[in-house]
């Protein structure tokens, strides 16, 4: 996990508490502002999630976890591909060049 050493300002809040808040929010679908206070200030959790997304920390964590699981033989690399086609309903499609009753203007 990234360290706050050498950075200006306050040191990072406990990573475990913040990550638990992020996971809780993603699992429940709550708004950031509605996170329980036990995770700390919602702004801290949101900022850490935003920072880790921008600097690639989540990607590094994921790559390491997959590598460790693969080394332990816990990853099944068989993939099933489905070629199902889902078509949109006729009213869900529009062309920007069509105006009037047959289509809608898309602002272009």
C-alpha atoms as a PDB file:
ATOM      1  CA  UNK A   1       0.000   0.000   0.000  1.00  0.00           C
ATOM      2  CA  UNK A   2       1.206   3.514  -0.696  1.00  0.00           C
ATOM      3  CA  UNK A   3       2.783   5.341   2.195  1.00  0.00           C
ATOM      4  CA  UNK A   4       2.168   8.936   3.199  1.00  0.00           C
ATOM      5  CA  UNK A   5       5.790   9.333   4.316  1.00  0.00           C
ATOM      6  CA  UNK A   6       7.538  12.221   2.638  1.00  0.00           C
ATOM      7  CA  UNK A   7       4.252  13.837   1.652  1.00  0.00           C
ATOM      8  CA  UNK A   8       3.098  17.146   3.006  1.00  0.00           C
ATOM      9  CA  UNK A   9       0.042  17.325   5.220  1.00  0.00           C
ATOM     10  CA  UNK A  10      -1.487  14.743   7.504  1.00  0.00           C
ATOM     11  CA  UNK A  11      -0.452  11.097   7.378  1.00  0.00           C
ATOM     12  CA  UNK A  12      -2.855   8.655   5.735  1.00  0.00           C
ATOM     13  CA  UNK A  13      -5.704   7.339   7.825  1.00  0.00           C
ATOM     14  CA  UNK A  14      -5.499   3.580   8.495  1.00  0.00           C
ATOM     15  CA  UNK A  15      -5.623   1.817   5.101  1.00  0.00           C
ATOM     16  CA  UNK A  16      -7.673  -1.092   6.444  1.00  0.00           C
ATOM     17  CA  UNK A  17     -10.458   1.150   7.729  1.00  0.00           C
ATOM     18  CA  UNK A  18     -10.597   3.179   4.513  1.00  0.00           C
ATOM     19  CA  UNK A  19     -10.531   0.134   2.213  1.00  0.00           C
ATOM     20  CA  UNK A  20     -13.297  -1.485   4.258  1.00  0.00           C
ATOM     21  CA  UNK A  21     -15.311   1.710   3.730  1.00  0.00           C
ATOM     22  CA  UNK A  22     -14.658   1.613  -0.022  1.00  0.00           C
ATOM     23  CA  UNK A  23     -15.636  -2.047  -0.273  1.00  0.00           C
ATOM     24  CA  UNK A  24     -18.751  -1.446   1.848  1.00  0.00           C
ATOM     25  CA  UNK A  25     -19.791   1.421  -0.399  1.00  0.00           C
ATOM     26  CA  UNK A  26     -19.202  -0.578  -3.592  1.00  0.00           C
ATOM     27  CA  UNK A  27     -21.005  -3.637  -2.207  1.00  0.00           C
ATOM     28  CA  UNK A  28     -24.083  -1.749  -0.978  1.00  0.00           C
ATOM     29  CA  UNK A  29     -24.328   0.961  -3.634  1.00  0.00           C
ATOM     30  CA  UNK A  30     -24.665   3.729  -1.065  1.00  0.00           C
ATOM     31  CA  UNK A  31     -23.821   7.307  -1.845  1.00  0.00           C
ATOM     32  CA  UNK A  32     -20.426   8.312  -0.467  1.00  0.00           C
ATOM     33  CA  UNK A  33     -22.123  10.696   1.993  1.00  0.00           C
ATOM     34  CA  UNK A  34     -24.212   7.863   3.441  1.00  0.00           C
ATOM     35  CA  UNK A  35     -21.285   5.726   4.611  1.00  0.00           C
ATOM     36  CA  UNK A  36     -21.457   4.795   8.301  1.00  0.00           C
ATOM     37  CA  UNK A  37     -19.287   6.935  10.545  1.00  0.00           C
ATOM     38  CA  UNK A  38     -17.380   3.849  11.710  1.00  0.00           C
ATOM     39  CA  UNK A  39     -15.321   4.040   8.496  1.00  0.00           C
ATOM     40  CA  UNK A  40     -14.284   7.621   9.140  1.00  0.00           C
ATOM     41  CA  UNK A  41     -15.115  10.758   7.182  1.00  0.00           C
ATOM     42  CA  UNK A  42     -16.710   9.936   3.821  1.00  0.00           C
ATOM     43  CA  UNK A  43     -14.509  12.563   2.140  1.00  0.00           C
ATOM     44  CA  UNK A  44     -11.378  10.648   3.195  1.00  0.00           C
ATOM     45  CA  UNK A  45     -12.718   7.398   1.793  1.00  0.00           C
ATOM     46  CA  UNK A  46     -13.777   9.037  -1.470  1.00  0.00           C
ATOM     47  CA  UNK A  47     -10.440  10.833  -1.900  1.00  0.00           C
ATOM     48  CA  UNK A  48      -8.437   7.660  -1.257  1.00  0.00           C
ATOM     49  CA  UNK A  49     -10.559   5.712  -3.753  1.00  0.00           C
ATOM     50  CA  UNK A  50     -10.113   8.482  -6.335  1.00  0.00           C
ATOM     51  CA  UNK A  51      -6.358   8.702  -5.695  1.00  0.00           C
ATOM     52  CA  UNK A  52      -5.832   4.921  -5.907  1.00  0.00           C
ATOM     53  CA  UNK A  53      -7.876   4.760  -9.113  1.00  0.00           C
ATOM     54  CA  UNK A  54      -5.881   7.565 -10.727  1.00  0.00           C
ATOM     55  CA  UNK A  55      -2.383   6.401  -9.767  1.00  0.00           C
ATOM     56  CA  UNK A  56      -2.927   2.715 -10.599  1.00  0.00           C
ATOM     57  CA  UNK A  57      -2.803   1.380  -7.041  1.00  0.00           C
ATOM     58  CA  UNK A  58      -5.946  -0.729  -7.525  1.00  0.00           C
ATOM     59  CA  UNK A  59      -4.439  -2.248 -10.697  1.00  0.00           C
ATOM     60  CA  UNK A  60      -1.234  -3.134  -8.837  1.00  0.00           C
ATOM     61  CA  UNK A  61      -3.169  -4.715  -5.971  1.00  0.00           C
ATOM     62  CA  UNK A  62      -5.274  -6.735  -8.402  1.00  0.00           C
ATOM     63  CA  UNK A  63      -2.230  -7.917 -10.376  1.00  0.00           C
ATOM     64  CA  UNK A  64      -0.450  -9.026  -7.206  1.00  0.00           C
ATOM     65  CA  UNK A  65      -3.487 -10.868  -5.839  1.00  0.00           C
ATOM     66  CA  UNK A  66      -4.005 -12.680  -9.155  1.00  0.00           C
ATOM     67  CA  UNK A  67      -0.306 -13.584  -9.339  1.00  0.00           C
ATOM     68  CA  UNK A  68      -0.331 -14.991  -5.792  1.00  0.00           C
ATOM     69  CA  UNK A  69      -3.544 -16.922  -6.404  1.00  0.00           C
ATOM     70  CA  UNK A  70      -2.168 -18.285  -9.683  1.00  0.00           C
ATOM     71  CA  UNK A  71       1.060 -19.396  -7.987  1.00  0.00           C
ATOM     72  CA  UNK A  72      -1.031 -21.226  -5.388  1.00  0.00           C
ATOM     73  CA  UNK A  73      -3.045 -22.891  -8.165  1.00  0.00           C
ATOM     74  CA  UNK A  74      -6.268 -21.175  -7.102  1.00  0.00           C
ATOM     75  CA  UNK A  75      -7.019 -19.567 -10.479  1.00  0.00           C
ATOM     76  CA  UNK A  76      -8.925 -21.409 -13.192  1.00  0.00           C
ATOM     77  CA  UNK A  77      -7.907 -19.887 -16.527  1.00  0.00           C
ATOM     78  CA  UNK A  78     -10.625 -21.627 -18.578  1.00  0.00           C
ATOM     79  CA  UNK A  79     -12.807 -19.052 -20.276  1.00  0.00           C
ATOM     80  CA  UNK A  80     -16.251 -19.510 -21.776  1.00  0.00           C
ATOM     81  CA  UNK A  81     -17.260 -17.108 -24.518  1.00  0.00           C
ATOM     82  CA  UNK A  82     -20.915 -16.594 -25.313  1.00  0.00           C
ATOM     83  CA  UNK A  83     -21.852 -15.287 -28.739  1.00  0.00           C
ATOM     84  CA  UNK A  84     -25.352 -14.169 -27.808  1.00  0.00           C
ATOM     85  CA  UNK A  85     -26.513 -11.022 -29.554  1.00  0.00           C
ATOM     86  CA  UNK A  86     -28.656  -8.538 -27.690  1.00  0.00           C
ATOM     87  CA  UNK A  87     -30.545  -6.185 -29.936  1.00  0.00           C
ATOM     88  CA  UNK A  88     -31.853  -2.831 -28.794  1.00  0.00           C
ATOM     89  CA  UNK A  89     -35.549  -2.121 -29.077  1.00  0.00           C
ATOM     90  CA  UNK A  90     -36.438  -0.110 -32.175  1.00  0.00           C
ATOM     91  CA  UNK A  91     -37.375   2.907 -30.045  1.00  0.00           C
ATOM     92  CA  UNK A  92     -34.001   2.856 -28.297  1.00  0.00           C
ATOM     93  CA  UNK A  93     -32.101   3.601 -31.487  1.00  0.00           C
ATOM     94  CA  UNK A  94     -31.694   7.033 -33.028  1.00  0.00           C
ATOM     95  CA  UNK A  95     -29.638   8.544 -35.761  1.00  0.00           C
ATOM     96  CA  UNK A  96     -28.382  12.056 -35.202  1.00  0.00           C
ATOM     97  CA  UNK A  97     -29.073  13.018 -38.809  1.00  0.00           C
ATOM     98  CA  UNK A  98     -32.775  12.180 -38.494  1.00  0.00           C
ATOM     99  CA  UNK A  99     -35.020  14.877 -37.129  1.00  0.00           C
ATOM    100  CA  UNK A 100     -38.750  14.957 -36.671  1.00  0.00           C
ATOM    101  CA  UNK A 101     -41.180  12.249 -35.617  1.00  0.00           C
ATOM    102  CA  UNK A 102     -38.962   9.342 -36.768  1.00  0.00           C
ATOM    103  CA  UNK A 103     -36.046  10.311 -34.526  1.00  0.00           C
ATOM    104  CA  UNK A 104     -34.947  12.806 -31.979  1.00  0.00           C
ATOM    105  CA  UNK A 105     -32.455  15.595 -32.080  1.00  0.00           C
ATOM    106  CA  UNK A 106     -29.291  14.765 -30.229  1.00  0.00           C
ATOM    107  CA  UNK A 107     -28.032  18.302 -29.971  1.00  0.00           C
ATOM    108  CA  UNK A 108     -25.671  18.089 -32.941  1.00  0.00           C
END
